Amino acid sequence: MDGQSGLERAWDWVALEPIHAIIAAGLALLLVALLALLADRQRRRRRNLDRVGCMPWTMIYVLSFFVASILLATALRAMA
Protein backbone atom coordinates (compact mmCIF):
# COMPACT_ATOMS: atom_id res chain seq x y z
CA MET A 1 0.00 0.00 0.00
CA ASP A 2 1.18 3.51 -0.71
CA GLY A 3 -0.38 5.07 2.41
CA GLN A 4 -3.36 6.65 0.65
CA SER A 5 -6.87 6.22 1.93
CA GLY A 6 -9.58 4.82 -0.32
CA LEU A 7 -11.10 8.26 -0.85
CA GLU A 8 -7.75 9.73 -1.93
CA ARG A 9 -7.24 6.91 -4.42
CA ALA A 10 -10.77 7.32 -5.74
CA TRP A 11 -10.12 10.95 -6.62
CA ASP A 12 -6.63 10.44 -8.10
CA TRP A 13 -8.03 10.43 -11.65
CA VAL A 14 -9.16 14.05 -11.19
CA ALA A 15 -5.63 15.09 -10.26
CA LEU A 16 -4.21 13.58 -13.44
CA GLU A 17 -5.82 16.02 -15.86
CA PRO A 18 -8.21 18.89 -15.09
CA ILE A 19 -9.99 18.12 -18.34
CA HIS A 20 -11.23 14.86 -16.82
CA ALA A 21 -13.02 16.79 -14.09
CA ILE A 22 -14.69 18.98 -16.72
CA ILE A 23 -15.81 15.93 -18.68
CA ALA A 24 -17.14 14.25 -15.52
CA ALA A 25 -19.09 17.36 -14.55
CA GLY A 26 -20.52 17.64 -18.07
CA LEU A 27 -21.59 14.00 -18.09
CA ALA A 28 -23.13 14.34 -14.62
CA LEU A 29 -25.14 17.35 -15.79
CA LEU A 30 -26.26 15.42 -18.86
CA LEU A 31 -27.56 12.73 -16.51
CA VAL A 32 -29.40 15.38 -14.48
CA ALA A 33 -30.89 16.75 -17.72
CA LEU A 34 -32.07 13.30 -18.74
CA LEU A 35 -33.67 12.68 -15.34
CA ALA A 36 -35.37 16.08 -15.43
CA LEU A 37 -36.66 15.37 -18.93
CA LEU A 38 -38.14 12.07 -17.77
CA ALA A 39 -39.66 13.69 -14.68
CA ASP A 40 -41.22 16.44 -16.79
CA ARG A 41 -42.68 13.85 -19.14
CA GLN A 42 -44.15 11.99 -16.18
CA ARG A 43 -45.60 15.26 -14.84
CA ARG A 44 -47.24 16.02 -18.17
CA ARG A 45 -48.78 12.54 -18.37
CA ARG A 46 -50.25 12.55 -14.85
CA ARG A 47 -53.78 11.24 -14.39
CA ASN A 48 -54.92 13.72 -11.75
CA LEU A 49 -54.52 17.15 -13.35
CA ASP A 50 -54.89 18.86 -9.97
CA ARG A 51 -51.63 17.33 -8.69
CA VAL A 52 -49.27 19.75 -10.39
CA GLY A 53 -46.17 19.51 -8.19
CA CYS A 54 -43.65 22.21 -7.36
CA MET A 55 -40.45 21.22 -9.18
CA PRO A 56 -39.64 23.27 -12.30
CA TRP A 57 -38.47 20.24 -14.30
CA THR A 58 -38.34 22.11 -17.59
CA MET A 59 -36.05 24.80 -16.17
CA ILE A 60 -33.84 22.18 -14.51
CA TYR A 61 -33.58 20.37 -17.83
CA VAL A 62 -32.76 23.49 -19.84
CA LEU A 63 -30.15 24.82 -17.42
CA SER A 64 -28.39 21.51 -16.84
CA PHE A 65 -28.33 20.72 -20.57
CA PHE A 66 -27.00 24.21 -21.35
CA VAL A 67 -24.19 24.03 -18.79
CA ALA A 68 -23.36 20.43 -19.78
CA SER A 69 -23.11 21.50 -23.42
CA ILE A 70 -20.73 24.32 -22.54
CA LEU A 71 -18.56 22.07 -20.36
CA LEU A 72 -18.34 19.28 -22.93
CA ALA A 73 -17.69 21.71 -25.80
CA THR A 74 -14.89 23.27 -23.74
CA ALA A 75 -13.44 19.84 -23.06
CA LEU A 76 -13.56 18.88 -26.73
CA ARG A 77 -11.89 22.12 -27.73
CA ALA A 78 -9.17 21.64 -25.10
CA MET A 79 -8.50 18.09 -26.26
CA ALA A 80 -8.01 19.13 -29.90
C-alpha atoms as a PDB file:
ATOM      1  CA  MET A   1       0.000   0.000   0.000  1.00  0.00           C
ATOM      2  CA  ASP A   2       1.177   3.505  -0.705  1.00  0.00           C
ATOM      3  CA  GLY A   3      -0.379   5.069   2.406  1.00  0.00           C
ATOM      4  CA  GLN A   4      -3.358   6.651   0.652  1.00  0.00           C
ATOM      5  CA  SER A   5      -6.866   6.222   1.926  1.00  0.00           C
ATOM      6  CA  GLY A   6      -9.575   4.822  -0.316  1.00  0.00           C
ATOM      7  CA  LEU A   7     -11.097   8.259  -0.854  1.00  0.00           C
ATOM      8  CA  GLU A   8      -7.753   9.731  -1.930  1.00  0.00           C
ATOM      9  CA  ARG A   9      -7.240   6.907  -4.417  1.00  0.00           C
ATOM     10  CA  ALA A  10     -10.775   7.317  -5.737  1.00  0.00           C
ATOM     11  CA  TRP A  11     -10.122  10.952  -6.618  1.00  0.00           C
ATOM     12  CA  ASP A  12      -6.635  10.439  -8.101  1.00  0.00           C
ATOM     13  CA  TRP A  13      -8.028  10.433 -11.653  1.00  0.00           C
ATOM     14  CA  VAL A  14      -9.159  14.045 -11.188  1.00  0.00           C
ATOM     15  CA  ALA A  15      -5.631  15.089 -10.255  1.00  0.00           C
ATOM     16  CA  LEU A  16      -4.207  13.580 -13.440  1.00  0.00           C
ATOM     17  CA  GLU A  17      -5.818  16.020 -15.861  1.00  0.00           C
ATOM     18  CA  PRO A  18      -8.209  18.887 -15.092  1.00  0.00           C
ATOM     19  CA  ILE A  19      -9.989  18.117 -18.343  1.00  0.00           C
ATOM     20  CA  HIS A  20     -11.233  14.856 -16.823  1.00  0.00           C
ATOM     21  CA  ALA A  21     -13.019  16.786 -14.088  1.00  0.00           C
ATOM     22  CA  ILE A  22     -14.686  18.983 -16.716  1.00  0.00           C
ATOM     23  CA  ILE A  23     -15.808  15.928 -18.681  1.00  0.00           C
ATOM     24  CA  ALA A  24     -17.135  14.249 -15.521  1.00  0.00           C
ATOM     25  CA  ALA A  25     -19.091  17.360 -14.553  1.00  0.00           C
ATOM     26  CA  GLY A  26     -20.521  17.638 -18.069  1.00  0.00           C
ATOM     27  CA  LEU A  27     -21.594  14.003 -18.089  1.00  0.00           C
ATOM     28  CA  ALA A  28     -23.128  14.337 -14.622  1.00  0.00           C
ATOM     29  CA  LEU A  29     -25.137  17.345 -15.790  1.00  0.00           C
ATOM     30  CA  LEU A  30     -26.264  15.425 -18.862  1.00  0.00           C
ATOM     31  CA  LEU A  31     -27.559  12.732 -16.512  1.00  0.00           C
ATOM     32  CA  VAL A  32     -29.404  15.381 -14.478  1.00  0.00           C
ATOM     33  CA  ALA A  33     -30.890  16.748 -17.715  1.00  0.00           C
ATOM     34  CA  LEU A  34     -32.074  13.299 -18.739  1.00  0.00           C
ATOM     35  CA  LEU A  35     -33.666  12.677 -15.339  1.00  0.00           C
ATOM     36  CA  ALA A  36     -35.371  16.082 -15.428  1.00  0.00           C
ATOM     37  CA  LEU A  37     -36.664  15.371 -18.928  1.00  0.00           C
ATOM     38  CA  LEU A  38     -38.145  12.068 -17.769  1.00  0.00           C
ATOM     39  CA  ALA A  39     -39.663  13.692 -14.675  1.00  0.00           C
ATOM     40  CA  ASP A  40     -41.221  16.442 -16.794  1.00  0.00           C
ATOM     41  CA  ARG A  41     -42.678  13.846 -19.145  1.00  0.00           C
ATOM     42  CA  GLN A  42     -44.154  11.993 -16.180  1.00  0.00           C
ATOM     43  CA  ARG A  43     -45.596  15.256 -14.836  1.00  0.00           C
ATOM     44  CA  ARG A  44     -47.239  16.025 -18.173  1.00  0.00           C
ATOM     45  CA  ARG A  45     -48.778  12.539 -18.370  1.00  0.00           C
ATOM     46  CA  ARG A  46     -50.248  12.549 -14.846  1.00  0.00           C
ATOM     47  CA  ARG A  47     -53.783  11.241 -14.389  1.00  0.00           C
ATOM     48  CA  ASN A  48     -54.917  13.724 -11.751  1.00  0.00           C
ATOM     49  CA  LEU A  49     -54.519  17.154 -13.346  1.00  0.00           C
ATOM     50  CA  ASP A  50     -54.891  18.863  -9.974  1.00  0.00           C
ATOM     51  CA  ARG A  51     -51.630  17.331  -8.691  1.00  0.00           C
ATOM     52  CA  VAL A  52     -49.274  19.750 -10.393  1.00  0.00           C
ATOM     53  CA  GLY A  53     -46.167  19.513  -8.188  1.00  0.00           C
ATOM     54  CA  CYS A  54     -43.653  22.208  -7.359  1.00  0.00           C
ATOM     55  CA  MET A  55     -40.451  21.222  -9.178  1.00  0.00           C
ATOM     56  CA  PRO A  56     -39.636  23.269 -12.299  1.00  0.00           C
ATOM     57  CA  TRP A  57     -38.467  20.241 -14.303  1.00  0.00           C
ATOM     58  CA  THR A  58     -38.341  22.111 -17.589  1.00  0.00           C
ATOM     59  CA  MET A  59     -36.053  24.800 -16.174  1.00  0.00           C
ATOM     60  CA  ILE A  60     -33.843  22.177 -14.506  1.00  0.00           C
ATOM     61  CA  TYR A  61     -33.579  20.367 -17.827  1.00  0.00           C
ATOM     62  CA  VAL A  62     -32.758  23.492 -19.839  1.00  0.00           C
ATOM     63  CA  LEU A  63     -30.148  24.824 -17.418  1.00  0.00           C
ATOM     64  CA  SER A  64     -28.395  21.511 -16.836  1.00  0.00           C
ATOM     65  CA  PHE A  65     -28.327  20.724 -20.567  1.00  0.00           C
ATOM     66  CA  PHE A  66     -27.001  24.211 -21.355  1.00  0.00           C
ATOM     67  CA  VAL A  67     -24.188  24.028 -18.786  1.00  0.00           C
ATOM     68  CA  ALA A  68     -23.363  20.432 -19.784  1.00  0.00           C
ATOM     69  CA  SER A  69     -23.112  21.497 -23.424  1.00  0.00           C
ATOM     70  CA  ILE A  70     -20.733  24.321 -22.542  1.00  0.00           C
ATOM     71  CA  LEU A  71     -18.557  22.066 -20.365  1.00  0.00           C
ATOM     72  CA  LEU A  72     -18.342  19.278 -22.931  1.00  0.00           C
ATOM     73  CA  ALA A  73     -17.686  21.705 -25.796  1.00  0.00           C
ATOM     74  CA  THR A  74     -14.892  23.273 -23.745  1.00  0.00           C
ATOM     75  CA  ALA A  75     -13.441  19.839 -23.060  1.00  0.00           C
ATOM     76  CA  LEU A  76     -13.565  18.876 -26.734  1.00  0.00           C
ATOM     77  CA  ARG A  77     -11.887  22.117 -27.731  1.00  0.00           C
ATOM     78  CA  ALA A  78      -9.171  21.642 -25.095  1.00  0.00           C
ATOM     79  CA  MET A  79      -8.496  18.087 -26.264  1.00  0.00           C
ATOM     80  CA  ALA A  80      -8.005  19.129 -29.897  1.00  0.00           C
END
